[in-house]
Amino acid sequence: MATIDDVSKLANVSRATVSRVLTGTRGVRDESREAVLRAVEELNYRPSFAAQNLASQTSSYVGLVIPAYETGISHALLPLLSQAVKSLNKSLLVQYVHSEAEQQPTIEDLQHQCVAVVVLGKKSQVNASNLIAFDEYSVEGSTTHGYNYAFATESACRYMLGKGHRNIALLIDNQQDEASKQMLEGYRNVLQNYSLPFNRQLLVAANNNVEQGLITLINSFTKYTAIITKRDCYAAEAMRLLREFNIAVPQEVSLISLEDSPLASLLYPPLTCIAYPLEQLLDICVQRIRLLINGRPIYIPEGQTVTGRLVARGSVADIS
C-alpha cells in the first residue's frame, strides 16, 4: 500500500506539499499540485485522513468496532467509553460486525474518519498507528500484553479443583480465536500441574452455535462435573439445556464464567465468575486515545498486565 512518502518521492515535492494538496490548502504552485495528483493516481494512493486529522486536530471522532456477539461486554463498555471520549472533546462512532471478514474493511473506513479506532474482541490484521485493541496491547521489543485469558482460565480451574472437581469441561468460542487459544493454554497448564489427563471430549467449541456444542457434550456420555465458559450467555445457555436434560446445577454440574456481565447475578443460581476487568482496561484504552490526540506514540509501561478477580456466587458446588 502506497504511503504519503511514496507520493512525495514520485512527485518530487515535500510531504507537507502533498498534505496541502490533498486537504485543498491554498498556496501550492500549479505544477506541484499537478505532480502530486498524477503521483496519487499512479500509485493508487488512499490518503489517511485519520493521520491528517491527527496533525490538524480537526477529527472529532473515536471509532469503536464491536463483534455482534459481544453483547455482554459491549453493553457495559459503551456508556463508559462514550463518556470518557466525550471528556476528551470527541464523539464515539460505533460499528458492529458479524464476521471477521467484515472487520477489516470496517476498521479501514473508520480510520479515515477518526483519530483512533478501538477494536473489541479479536484484533484485525490491519496494522496502523491509530488502531487500539481494547483487551490487548504490546510494548515495543516485548511480547503482547493485555487481559490474560490463560490466567483467568487457570484461576477458574484451580477454584473448581479446590471444590473437588476433577472432570472439568471448557467451553470456548473456537480453536482459532486468540482468547480461546489462551484459555486452552491455561486449562492445559492446570491439568498438567495437577497430573490430570487432557480429555478432548471435554473441550467444547461454540463455533457460533453454542447450543449444538453443549448438546454434543451432554450426549457424549463423558464424565464431567463442571464447565468453564468464556461468556455469561454461554453459561446461561448451559443452565437451560442442563435443566432440560434433568441435570441439576450446581448439584450435578457446576458452572463458572470468565465475564461477569450484569446477566451473571440475574441467573439462577447466580453465576460464579472470574470478572473481566472492564474498568481497568478502559483506563488503559483512554490513556492510549489521549496520547494519539496529543500526537504522541502509544506507550504502555513494560510488564503491565491485567487480570480478573473471582466473584463467588451460587453456581459452583463443593463435591470434595
C-alpha atoms as a PDB file:
ATOM      1  CA  MET A   1       0.000   0.000   0.000  1.00  0.00           C
ATOM      2  CA  ALA A   2       1.406   3.385  -1.034  1.00  0.00           C
ATOM      3  CA  THR A   3       2.264   5.966   1.622  1.00  0.00           C
ATOM      4  CA  ILE A   4       2.465   9.738   1.629  1.00  0.00           C
ATOM      5  CA  ASP A   5       6.248   9.353   1.449  1.00  0.00           C
ATOM      6  CA  ASP A   6       5.893   7.393  -1.804  1.00  0.00           C
ATOM      7  CA  VAL A   7       3.743  10.175  -3.263  1.00  0.00           C
ATOM      8  CA  SER A   8       6.223  12.800  -2.086  1.00  0.00           C
ATOM      9  CA  LYS A   9       9.140  10.973  -3.693  1.00  0.00           C
ATOM     10  CA  LEU A  10       7.400  10.334  -7.021  1.00  0.00           C
ATOM     11  CA  ALA A  11       6.113  13.914  -7.275  1.00  0.00           C
ATOM     12  CA  ASN A  12       9.474  15.306  -6.130  1.00  0.00           C
ATOM     13  CA  VAL A  13       7.856  17.538  -3.508  1.00  0.00           C
ATOM     14  CA  SER A  14       7.817  17.603   0.287  1.00  0.00           C
ATOM     15  CA  ARG A  15       5.386  15.652   2.469  1.00  0.00           C
ATOM     16  CA  ALA A  16       3.931  18.979   3.604  1.00  0.00           C
ATOM     17  CA  THR A  17       3.166  19.900  -0.023  1.00  0.00           C
ATOM     18  CA  VAL A  18       1.433  16.554  -0.580  1.00  0.00           C
ATOM     19  CA  SER A  19      -0.650  17.132   2.553  1.00  0.00           C
ATOM     20  CA  ARG A  20      -1.621  20.655   1.437  1.00  0.00           C
ATOM     21  CA  VAL A  21      -2.700  19.389  -1.978  1.00  0.00           C
ATOM     22  CA  LEU A  22      -4.793  16.559  -0.514  1.00  0.00           C
ATOM     23  CA  THR A  23      -6.510  18.835   2.009  1.00  0.00           C
ATOM     24  CA  GLY A  24      -7.154  21.591  -0.553  1.00  0.00           C
ATOM     25  CA  THR A  25      -4.955  24.142   1.148  1.00  0.00           C
ATOM     26  CA  ARG A  26      -4.081  27.220  -0.917  1.00  0.00           C
ATOM     27  CA  GLY A  27      -0.561  28.406  -1.710  1.00  0.00           C
ATOM     28  CA  VAL A  28       0.640  25.395  -3.737  1.00  0.00           C
ATOM     29  CA  ARG A  29       2.103  26.023  -7.189  1.00  0.00           C
ATOM     30  CA  ASP A  30       0.080  24.604 -10.069  1.00  0.00           C
ATOM     31  CA  GLU A  31       2.915  22.404 -11.316  1.00  0.00           C
ATOM     32  CA  SER A  32       3.440  20.943  -7.836  1.00  0.00           C
ATOM     33  CA  ARG A  33      -0.283  20.307  -7.413  1.00  0.00           C
ATOM     34  CA  GLU A  34      -0.458  18.547 -10.787  1.00  0.00           C
ATOM     35  CA  ALA A  35       2.621  16.426  -9.946  1.00  0.00           C
ATOM     36  CA  VAL A  36       1.054  15.321  -6.652  1.00  0.00           C
ATOM     37  CA  LEU A  37      -2.259  14.437  -8.279  1.00  0.00           C
ATOM     38  CA  ARG A  38      -0.502  12.439 -11.001  1.00  0.00           C
ATOM     39  CA  ALA A  39       1.505  10.547  -8.336  1.00  0.00           C
ATOM     40  CA  VAL A  40      -1.644   9.860  -6.312  1.00  0.00           C
ATOM     41  CA  GLU A  41      -3.366   8.402  -9.378  1.00  0.00           C
ATOM     42  CA  GLU A  42      -0.331   6.389 -10.467  1.00  0.00           C
ATOM     43  CA  LEU A  43       0.234   4.897  -7.000  1.00  0.00           C
ATOM     44  CA  ASN A  44      -3.489   4.494  -6.267  1.00  0.00           C
ATOM     45  CA  TYR A  45      -2.773   6.262  -3.003  1.00  0.00           C
ATOM     46  CA  ARG A  46      -5.568   6.359  -0.441  1.00  0.00           C
ATOM     47  CA  PRO A  47      -4.824   9.207   1.964  1.00  0.00           C
ATOM     48  CA  SER A  48      -5.118   8.544   5.680  1.00  0.00           C
ATOM     49  CA  PHE A  49      -7.462  11.253   6.807  1.00  0.00           C
ATOM     50  CA  ALA A  50      -7.061   9.946  10.345  1.00  0.00           C
ATOM     51  CA  ALA A  51      -3.408  10.953  10.235  1.00  0.00           C
ATOM     52  CA  GLN A  52      -4.249  14.308   8.660  1.00  0.00           C
ATOM     53  CA  ASN A  53      -6.898  14.988  11.265  1.00  0.00           C
ATOM     54  CA  LEU A  54      -4.477  13.998  13.995  1.00  0.00           C
ATOM     55  CA  ALA A  55      -1.943  16.527  12.749  1.00  0.00           C
ATOM     56  CA  SER A  56      -4.506  19.310  12.402  1.00  0.00           C
ATOM     57  CA  GLN A  57      -6.562  18.373  15.487  1.00  0.00           C
ATOM     58  CA  THR A  58      -9.736  18.505  13.369  1.00  0.00           C
ATOM     59  CA  SER A  59     -11.026  14.956  13.869  1.00  0.00           C
ATOM     60  CA  SER A  60     -13.981  14.904  16.224  1.00  0.00           C
ATOM     61  CA  TYR A  61     -14.383  11.139  16.392  1.00  0.00           C
ATOM     62  CA  VAL A  62     -13.086   7.981  18.027  1.00  0.00           C
ATOM     63  CA  GLY A  63     -14.235   4.767  16.351  1.00  0.00           C
ATOM     64  CA  LEU A  64     -15.296   1.556  18.080  1.00  0.00           C
ATOM     65  CA  VAL A  65     -15.652  -1.797  16.275  1.00  0.00           C
ATOM     66  CA  ILE A  66     -17.611  -4.473  18.140  1.00  0.00           C
ATOM     67  CA  PRO A  67     -18.358  -8.083  17.130  1.00  0.00           C
ATOM     68  CA  ALA A  68     -22.140  -8.514  17.230  1.00  0.00           C
ATOM     69  CA  TYR A  69     -21.822 -11.486  19.631  1.00  0.00           C
ATOM     70  CA  GLU A  70     -20.001  -9.414  22.290  1.00  0.00           C
ATOM     71  CA  THR A  71     -23.304  -8.320  23.805  1.00  0.00           C
ATOM     72  CA  GLY A  72     -22.338  -8.649  27.463  1.00  0.00           C
ATOM     73  CA  ILE A  73     -19.097  -6.681  27.417  1.00  0.00           C
ATOM     74  CA  SER A  74     -20.331  -4.102  24.893  1.00  0.00           C
ATOM     75  CA  HIS A  75     -23.445  -3.387  26.971  1.00  0.00           C
ATOM     76  CA  ALA A  76     -21.242  -2.351  29.891  1.00  0.00           C
ATOM     77  CA  LEU A  77     -18.473  -0.755  27.805  1.00  0.00           C
ATOM     78  CA  LEU A  78     -20.460   1.559  25.519  1.00  0.00           C
ATOM     79  CA  PRO A  79     -21.707   4.116  28.087  1.00  0.00           C
ATOM     80  CA  LEU A  80     -18.350   4.188  29.893  1.00  0.00           C
ATOM     81  CA  LEU A  81     -16.256   4.650  26.749  1.00  0.00           C
ATOM     82  CA  SER A  82     -18.706   7.174  25.328  1.00  0.00           C
ATOM     83  CA  GLN A  83     -18.441   9.281  28.478  1.00  0.00           C
ATOM     84  CA  ALA A  84     -14.637   9.000  28.524  1.00  0.00           C
ATOM     85  CA  VAL A  85     -14.389  10.020  24.858  1.00  0.00           C
ATOM     86  CA  LYS A  86     -16.745  12.931  25.498  1.00  0.00           C
ATOM     87  CA  SER A  87     -14.388  14.161  28.239  1.00  0.00           C
ATOM     88  CA  LEU A  88     -11.690  14.314  25.532  1.00  0.00           C
ATOM     89  CA  ASN A  89     -13.998  16.538  23.407  1.00  0.00           C
ATOM     90  CA  LYS A  90     -14.597  13.715  20.927  1.00  0.00           C
ATOM     91  CA  SER A  91     -17.628  11.684  19.863  1.00  0.00           C
ATOM     92  CA  LEU A  92     -17.856   7.904  19.585  1.00  0.00           C
ATOM     93  CA  LEU A  93     -18.639   6.233  16.241  1.00  0.00           C
ATOM     94  CA  VAL A  94     -19.785   2.638  16.798  1.00  0.00           C
ATOM     95  CA  GLN A  95     -19.860  -0.109  14.168  1.00  0.00           C
ATOM     96  CA  TYR A  96     -20.982  -3.712  14.768  1.00  0.00           C
ATOM     97  CA  VAL A  97     -19.546  -6.524  12.637  1.00  0.00           C
ATOM     98  CA  HIS A  98     -20.924 -10.039  12.236  1.00  0.00           C
ATOM     99  CA  SER A  99     -17.792 -11.776  10.985  1.00  0.00           C
ATOM    100  CA  GLU A 100     -14.031 -11.428  10.785  1.00  0.00           C
ATOM    101  CA  ALA A 101     -14.391 -10.691   7.061  1.00  0.00           C
ATOM    102  CA  GLU A 102     -16.431  -7.577   7.896  1.00  0.00           C
ATOM    103  CA  GLN A 103     -13.960  -6.333  10.478  1.00  0.00           C
ATOM    104  CA  GLN A 104     -11.055  -5.234   8.287  1.00  0.00           C
ATOM    105  CA  PRO A 105     -12.978  -3.000   5.839  1.00  0.00           C
ATOM    106  CA  THR A 106     -14.957  -1.533   8.740  1.00  0.00           C
ATOM    107  CA  ILE A 107     -11.745  -0.615  10.546  1.00  0.00           C
ATOM    108  CA  GLU A 108     -10.245   0.882   7.399  1.00  0.00           C
ATOM    109  CA  ASP A 109     -13.328   3.046   6.825  1.00  0.00           C
ATOM    110  CA  LEU A 110     -13.274   4.341  10.402  1.00  0.00           C
ATOM    111  CA  GLN A 111      -9.543   5.055  10.220  1.00  0.00           C
ATOM    112  CA  HIS A 112     -10.242   7.679   7.563  1.00  0.00           C
ATOM    113  CA  GLN A 113     -12.699   9.452   9.855  1.00  0.00           C
ATOM    114  CA  CYS A 114     -11.327   9.011  13.360  1.00  0.00           C
ATOM    115  CA  VAL A 115      -8.303   9.989  15.402  1.00  0.00           C
ATOM    116  CA  ALA A 116      -8.329   6.481  16.935  1.00  0.00           C
ATOM    117  CA  VAL A 117     -10.142   3.201  16.282  1.00  0.00           C
ATOM    118  CA  VAL A 118     -10.775   0.839  19.194  1.00  0.00           C
ATOM    119  CA  VAL A 119     -11.410  -2.839  18.431  1.00  0.00           C
ATOM    120  CA  LEU A 120     -13.220  -5.086  20.903  1.00  0.00           C
ATOM    121  CA  GLY A 121     -12.587  -8.796  20.621  1.00  0.00           C
ATOM    122  CA  LYS A 122     -10.250 -10.378  18.104  1.00  0.00           C
ATOM    123  CA  LYS A 123      -7.818  -7.882  16.585  1.00  0.00           C
ATOM    124  CA  SER A 124      -7.813  -7.473  12.808  1.00  0.00           C
ATOM    125  CA  GLN A 125      -4.706  -7.949  10.687  1.00  0.00           C
ATOM    126  CA  VAL A 126      -4.887  -4.229   9.895  1.00  0.00           C
ATOM    127  CA  ASN A 127      -1.765  -2.523  11.190  1.00  0.00           C
ATOM    128  CA  ALA A 128      -1.942   1.204  11.852  1.00  0.00           C
ATOM    129  CA  SER A 129      -0.675   3.656  14.403  1.00  0.00           C
ATOM    130  CA  ASN A 130      -4.187   4.715  15.398  1.00  0.00           C
ATOM    131  CA  LEU A 131      -5.594   1.194  15.925  1.00  0.00           C
ATOM    132  CA  ILE A 132      -6.179   0.105  19.533  1.00  0.00           C
ATOM    133  CA  ALA A 133      -7.101  -3.463  20.524  1.00  0.00           C
ATOM    134  CA  PHE A 134      -9.167  -2.959  23.684  1.00  0.00           C
ATOM    135  CA  ASP A 135      -8.119  -6.054  25.625  1.00  0.00           C
ATOM    136  CA  GLU A 136      -4.554  -6.394  24.405  1.00  0.00           C
ATOM    137  CA  TYR A 137      -1.613  -4.093  23.897  1.00  0.00           C
ATOM    138  CA  SER A 138       2.036  -4.544  23.037  1.00  0.00           C
ATOM    139  CA  VAL A 139       5.190  -2.780  24.092  1.00  0.00           C
ATOM    140  CA  GLU A 140       7.930  -2.386  21.516  1.00  0.00           C
ATOM    141  CA  GLY A 141      10.551  -5.096  21.977  1.00  0.00           C
ATOM    142  CA  SER A 142       8.382  -7.246  24.236  1.00  0.00           C
ATOM    143  CA  THR A 143       5.644  -9.826  23.988  1.00  0.00           C
ATOM    144  CA  THR A 144       1.973  -8.917  23.758  1.00  0.00           C
ATOM    145  CA  HIS A 145       0.339  -7.867  26.995  1.00  0.00           C
ATOM    146  CA  GLY A 146      -3.280  -7.276  27.901  1.00  0.00           C
ATOM    147  CA  TYR A 147      -6.080  -9.200  29.533  1.00  0.00           C
ATOM    148  CA  ASN A 148      -4.738 -12.650  30.305  1.00  0.00           C
ATOM    149  CA  TYR A 149      -7.382 -15.252  29.440  1.00  0.00           C
ATOM    150  CA  ALA A 150      -4.888 -18.020  30.239  1.00  0.00           C
ATOM    151  CA  PHE A 151      -4.522 -16.784  33.820  1.00  0.00           C
ATOM    152  CA  ALA A 152      -8.306 -16.324  34.139  1.00  0.00           C
ATOM    153  CA  THR A 153      -8.883 -19.910  32.997  1.00  0.00           C
ATOM    154  CA  GLU A 154      -6.195 -21.198  35.355  1.00  0.00           C
ATOM    155  CA  SER A 155      -7.907 -19.332  38.213  1.00  0.00           C
ATOM    156  CA  ALA A 156     -11.276 -20.830  37.296  1.00  0.00           C
ATOM    157  CA  CYS A 157      -9.783 -24.340  37.056  1.00  0.00           C
ATOM    158  CA  ARG A 158      -7.997 -24.052  40.391  1.00  0.00           C
ATOM    159  CA  TYR A 159     -11.188 -22.829  42.053  1.00  0.00           C
ATOM    160  CA  MET A 160     -13.091 -25.805  40.669  1.00  0.00           C
ATOM    161  CA  LEU A 161     -10.334 -28.205  41.706  1.00  0.00           C
ATOM    162  CA  GLY A 162     -10.429 -26.724  45.195  1.00  0.00           C
ATOM    163  CA  LYS A 163     -14.114 -27.638  45.311  1.00  0.00           C
ATOM    164  CA  GLY A 164     -13.305 -31.260  44.446  1.00  0.00           C
ATOM    165  CA  HIS A 165     -13.977 -31.222  40.683  1.00  0.00           C
ATOM    166  CA  ARG A 166     -11.608 -33.309  38.576  1.00  0.00           C
ATOM    167  CA  ASN A 167     -13.559 -33.610  35.307  1.00  0.00           C
ATOM    168  CA  ILE A 168     -13.893 -30.061  34.022  1.00  0.00           C
ATOM    169  CA  ALA A 169     -15.222 -29.144  30.565  1.00  0.00           C
ATOM    170  CA  LEU A 170     -14.018 -25.986  28.799  1.00  0.00           C
ATOM    171  CA  LEU A 171     -16.384 -24.038  26.505  1.00  0.00           C
ATOM    172  CA  ILE A 172     -14.538 -21.677  24.129  1.00  0.00           C
ATOM    173  CA  ASP A 173     -15.545 -19.610  21.077  1.00  0.00           C
ATOM    174  CA  ASN A 174     -13.468 -21.571  18.563  1.00  0.00           C
ATOM    175  CA  GLN A 175      -9.975 -23.003  18.345  1.00  0.00           C
ATOM    176  CA  GLN A 176      -8.650 -20.210  16.083  1.00  0.00           C
ATOM    177  CA  ASP A 177      -9.634 -17.253  18.271  1.00  0.00           C
ATOM    178  CA  GLU A 178      -6.675 -15.821  20.240  1.00  0.00           C
ATOM    179  CA  ALA A 179      -8.586 -15.592  23.530  1.00  0.00           C
ATOM    180  CA  SER A 180      -9.753 -19.195  23.113  1.00  0.00           C
ATOM    181  CA  LYS A 181      -6.172 -20.301  22.475  1.00  0.00           C
ATOM    182  CA  GLN A 182      -5.148 -18.603  25.718  1.00  0.00           C
ATOM    183  CA  MET A 183      -7.997 -20.319  27.564  1.00  0.00           C
ATOM    184  CA  LEU A 184      -6.866 -23.711  26.274  1.00  0.00           C
ATOM    185  CA  GLU A 185      -3.290 -22.925  27.297  1.00  0.00           C
ATOM    186  CA  GLY A 186      -4.351 -22.090  30.851  1.00  0.00           C
ATOM    187  CA  TYR A 187      -6.587 -25.161  31.012  1.00  0.00           C
ATOM    188  CA  ARG A 188      -3.784 -27.481  29.893  1.00  0.00           C
ATOM    189  CA  ASN A 189      -1.317 -25.890  32.321  1.00  0.00           C
ATOM    190  CA  VAL A 190      -3.534 -26.608  35.315  1.00  0.00           C
ATOM    191  CA  LEU A 191      -4.268 -30.175  34.229  1.00  0.00           C
ATOM    192  CA  GLN A 192      -0.549 -30.793  33.829  1.00  0.00           C
ATOM    193  CA  ASN A 193       0.262 -29.258  37.220  1.00  0.00           C
ATOM    194  CA  TYR A 194      -2.323 -31.489  38.891  1.00  0.00           C
ATOM    195  CA  SER A 195      -1.266 -34.557  36.858  1.00  0.00           C
ATOM    196  CA  LEU A 196      -4.724 -34.833  35.318  1.00  0.00           C
ATOM    197  CA  PRO A 197      -5.247 -36.185  31.771  1.00  0.00           C
ATOM    198  CA  PHE A 198      -6.444 -33.937  28.947  1.00  0.00           C
ATOM    199  CA  ASN A 199      -9.695 -35.287  27.512  1.00  0.00           C
ATOM    200  CA  ARG A 200     -10.525 -33.768  24.100  1.00  0.00           C
ATOM    201  CA  GLN A 201     -14.204 -34.578  24.583  1.00  0.00           C
ATOM    202  CA  LEU A 202     -14.261 -32.039  27.415  1.00  0.00           C
ATOM    203  CA  LEU A 203     -13.137 -29.257  25.057  1.00  0.00           C
ATOM    204  CA  VAL A 204     -16.256 -27.683  23.542  1.00  0.00           C
ATOM    205  CA  ALA A 205     -16.124 -25.043  20.776  1.00  0.00           C
ATOM    206  CA  ALA A 206     -19.217 -22.873  20.333  1.00  0.00           C
ATOM    207  CA  ASN A 207     -18.429 -22.113  16.658  1.00  0.00           C
ATOM    208  CA  ASN A 208     -21.417 -19.721  16.520  1.00  0.00           C
ATOM    209  CA  ASN A 209     -23.753 -22.471  17.763  1.00  0.00           C
ATOM    210  CA  VAL A 210     -23.264 -22.852  21.497  1.00  0.00           C
ATOM    211  CA  GLU A 211     -26.437 -24.950  21.888  1.00  0.00           C
ATOM    212  CA  GLN A 212     -25.160 -27.608  19.494  1.00  0.00           C
ATOM    213  CA  GLY A 213     -21.761 -27.652  21.178  1.00  0.00           C
ATOM    214  CA  LEU A 214     -23.320 -28.184  24.592  1.00  0.00           C
ATOM    215  CA  ILE A 215     -25.717 -30.857  23.333  1.00  0.00           C
ATOM    216  CA  THR A 216     -22.741 -32.713  21.874  1.00  0.00           C
ATOM    217  CA  LEU A 217     -21.060 -32.605  25.302  1.00  0.00           C
ATOM    218  CA  ILE A 218     -24.213 -33.748  27.117  1.00  0.00           C
ATOM    219  CA  ASN A 219     -24.809 -36.622  24.680  1.00  0.00           C
ATOM    220  CA  SER A 220     -21.176 -37.764  24.702  1.00  0.00           C
ATOM    221  CA  PHE A 221     -21.619 -39.669  27.976  1.00  0.00           C
ATOM    222  CA  THR A 222     -18.256 -38.223  29.011  1.00  0.00           C
ATOM    223  CA  LYS A 223     -17.992 -37.737  32.756  1.00  0.00           C
ATOM    224  CA  TYR A 224     -17.855 -34.073  33.830  1.00  0.00           C
ATOM    225  CA  THR A 225     -18.955 -32.206  36.944  1.00  0.00           C
ATOM    226  CA  ALA A 226     -18.038 -28.651  35.963  1.00  0.00           C
ATOM    227  CA  ILE A 227     -17.998 -26.346  32.922  1.00  0.00           C
ATOM    228  CA  ILE A 228     -15.883 -23.227  32.411  1.00  0.00           C
ATOM    229  CA  THR A 229     -17.295 -20.801  29.822  1.00  0.00           C
ATOM    230  CA  LYS A 230     -15.841 -17.653  28.274  1.00  0.00           C
ATOM    231  CA  ARG A 231     -19.146 -15.778  28.316  1.00  0.00           C
ATOM    232  CA  ASP A 232     -22.031 -15.432  30.736  1.00  0.00           C
ATOM    233  CA  CYS A 233     -24.525 -16.043  27.912  1.00  0.00           C
ATOM    234  CA  TYR A 234     -22.845 -19.408  27.266  1.00  0.00           C
ATOM    235  CA  ALA A 235     -23.305 -20.299  30.933  1.00  0.00           C
ATOM    236  CA  ALA A 236     -26.960 -19.222  30.744  1.00  0.00           C
ATOM    237  CA  GLU A 237     -27.477 -21.484  27.730  1.00  0.00           C
ATOM    238  CA  ALA A 238     -25.748 -24.330  29.595  1.00  0.00           C
ATOM    239  CA  MET A 239     -28.077 -23.871  32.580  1.00  0.00           C
ATOM    240  CA  ARG A 240     -31.123 -24.040  30.308  1.00  0.00           C
ATOM    241  CA  LEU A 241     -30.001 -27.170  28.477  1.00  0.00           C
ATOM    242  CA  LEU A 242     -28.845 -28.977  31.591  1.00  0.00           C
ATOM    243  CA  ARG A 243     -32.245 -28.429  33.187  1.00  0.00           C
ATOM    244  CA  GLU A 244     -33.957 -29.743  30.042  1.00  0.00           C
ATOM    245  CA  PHE A 245     -31.848 -32.900  30.411  1.00  0.00           C
ATOM    246  CA  ASN A 246     -32.771 -33.058  34.143  1.00  0.00           C
ATOM    247  CA  ILE A 247     -29.205 -32.299  35.223  1.00  0.00           C
ATOM    248  CA  ALA A 248     -29.162 -30.135  38.346  1.00  0.00           C
ATOM    249  CA  VAL A 249     -26.998 -27.006  38.618  1.00  0.00           C
ATOM    250  CA  PRO A 250     -24.840 -26.886  40.681  1.00  0.00           C
ATOM    251  CA  GLN A 251     -25.538 -30.194  42.453  1.00  0.00           C
ATOM    252  CA  GLU A 252     -24.563 -32.325  39.440  1.00  0.00           C
ATOM    253  CA  VAL A 253     -22.741 -29.821  37.218  1.00  0.00           C
ATOM    254  CA  SER A 254     -21.126 -26.574  38.392  1.00  0.00           C
ATOM    255  CA  LEU A 255     -20.605 -23.530  36.160  1.00  0.00           C
ATOM    256  CA  ILE A 256     -18.143 -20.633  36.123  1.00  0.00           C
ATOM    257  CA  SER A 257     -17.705 -17.851  33.542  1.00  0.00           C
ATOM    258  CA  LEU A 258     -14.824 -15.523  32.630  1.00  0.00           C
ATOM    259  CA  GLU A 259     -17.010 -12.455  32.121  1.00  0.00           C
ATOM    260  CA  ASP A 260     -19.310 -11.268  34.971  1.00  0.00           C
ATOM    261  CA  SER A 261     -21.722  -9.135  32.961  1.00  0.00           C
ATOM    262  CA  PRO A 262     -24.984  -7.854  34.531  1.00  0.00           C
ATOM    263  CA  LEU A 263     -26.544 -11.161  33.421  1.00  0.00           C
ATOM    264  CA  ALA A 264     -24.407 -13.184  35.869  1.00  0.00           C
ATOM    265  CA  SER A 265     -26.183 -12.108  39.050  1.00  0.00           C
ATOM    266  CA  LEU A 266     -29.637 -12.497  37.438  1.00  0.00           C
ATOM    267  CA  LEU A 267     -29.245 -16.186  36.596  1.00  0.00           C
ATOM    268  CA  TYR A 268     -30.448 -18.950  38.904  1.00  0.00           C
ATOM    269  CA  PRO A 269     -28.328 -19.957  40.600  1.00  0.00           C
ATOM    270  CA  PRO A 270     -26.306 -16.713  40.380  1.00  0.00           C
ATOM    271  CA  LEU A 271     -23.208 -17.301  38.279  1.00  0.00           C
ATOM    272  CA  THR A 272     -19.719 -17.553  39.782  1.00  0.00           C
ATOM    273  CA  CYS A 273     -17.222 -15.643  37.608  1.00  0.00           C
ATOM    274  CA  ILE A 274     -13.656 -14.598  37.078  1.00  0.00           C
ATOM    275  CA  ALA A 275     -14.655 -10.983  36.436  1.00  0.00           C
ATOM    276  CA  TYR A 276     -13.440  -9.341  33.215  1.00  0.00           C
ATOM    277  CA  PRO A 277     -11.518  -6.192  34.350  1.00  0.00           C
ATOM    278  CA  LEU A 278     -13.511  -3.781  32.186  1.00  0.00           C
ATOM    279  CA  GLU A 279     -12.791  -0.538  34.036  1.00  0.00           C
ATOM    280  CA  GLN A 280      -9.044  -1.193  34.287  1.00  0.00           C
ATOM    281  CA  LEU A 281      -8.829  -1.985  30.560  1.00  0.00           C
ATOM    282  CA  LEU A 282     -10.930   1.104  29.837  1.00  0.00           C
ATOM    283  CA  ASP A 283      -8.476   3.317  31.738  1.00  0.00           C
ATOM    284  CA  ILE A 284      -5.581   1.948  29.666  1.00  0.00           C
ATOM    285  CA  CYS A 285      -7.561   2.414  26.449  1.00  0.00           C
ATOM    286  CA  VAL A 286      -8.378   6.053  27.267  1.00  0.00           C
ATOM    287  CA  GLN A 287      -4.699   6.721  28.069  1.00  0.00           C
ATOM    288  CA  ARG A 288      -3.806   5.480  24.591  1.00  0.00           C
ATOM    289  CA  ILE A 289      -6.532   7.546  22.904  1.00  0.00           C
ATOM    290  CA  ARG A 290      -5.280  10.662  24.732  1.00  0.00           C
ATOM    291  CA  LEU A 291      -1.730  10.010  23.510  1.00  0.00           C
ATOM    292  CA  LEU A 292      -2.974   9.783  19.916  1.00  0.00           C
ATOM    293  CA  ILE A 293      -4.970  13.000  20.238  1.00  0.00           C
ATOM    294  CA  ASN A 294      -1.854  14.735  21.519  1.00  0.00           C
ATOM    295  CA  GLY A 295       0.184  13.393  18.609  1.00  0.00           C
ATOM    296  CA  ARG A 296       2.354  11.157  20.779  1.00  0.00           C
ATOM    297  CA  PRO A 297       3.162   7.469  20.159  1.00  0.00           C
ATOM    298  CA  ILE A 298       1.288   4.896  22.223  1.00  0.00           C
ATOM    299  CA  TYR A 299       3.391   3.601  25.096  1.00  0.00           C
ATOM    300  CA  ILE A 300       2.400   1.293  27.934  1.00  0.00           C
ATOM    301  CA  PRO A 301       4.978   0.592  30.679  1.00  0.00           C
ATOM    302  CA  GLU A 302       6.814  -2.720  30.312  1.00  0.00           C
ATOM    303  CA  GLY A 303       5.358  -5.583  32.305  1.00  0.00           C
ATOM    304  CA  GLN A 304       1.931  -4.067  32.960  1.00  0.00           C
ATOM    305  CA  THR A 305      -0.671  -6.852  32.997  1.00  0.00           C
ATOM    306  CA  VAL A 306      -4.388  -7.041  33.674  1.00  0.00           C
ATOM    307  CA  THR A 307      -6.064  -9.962  35.436  1.00  0.00           C
ATOM    308  CA  GLY A 308      -9.592 -10.778  36.543  1.00  0.00           C
ATOM    309  CA  ARG A 309     -10.859 -11.437  40.053  1.00  0.00           C
ATOM    310  CA  LEU A 310     -13.002 -14.209  41.480  1.00  0.00           C
ATOM    311  CA  VAL A 311     -16.655 -13.379  42.206  1.00  0.00           C
ATOM    312  CA  ALA A 312     -18.084 -16.388  44.061  1.00  0.00           C
ATOM    313  CA  ARG A 313     -21.836 -16.904  43.798  1.00  0.00           C
ATOM    314  CA  GLY A 314     -24.057 -19.980  43.803  1.00  0.00           C
ATOM    315  CA  SER A 315     -23.279 -21.889  40.606  1.00  0.00           C
ATOM    316  CA  VAL A 316     -20.362 -23.937  41.984  1.00  0.00           C
ATOM    317  CA  ALA A 317     -20.939 -26.806  44.404  1.00  0.00           C
ATOM    318  CA  ASP A 318     -18.327 -28.293  46.735  1.00  0.00           C
ATOM    319  CA  ILE A 319     -18.125 -32.027  45.981  1.00  0.00           C
ATOM    320  CA  SER A 320     -14.917 -32.779  47.877  1.00  0.00           C
END
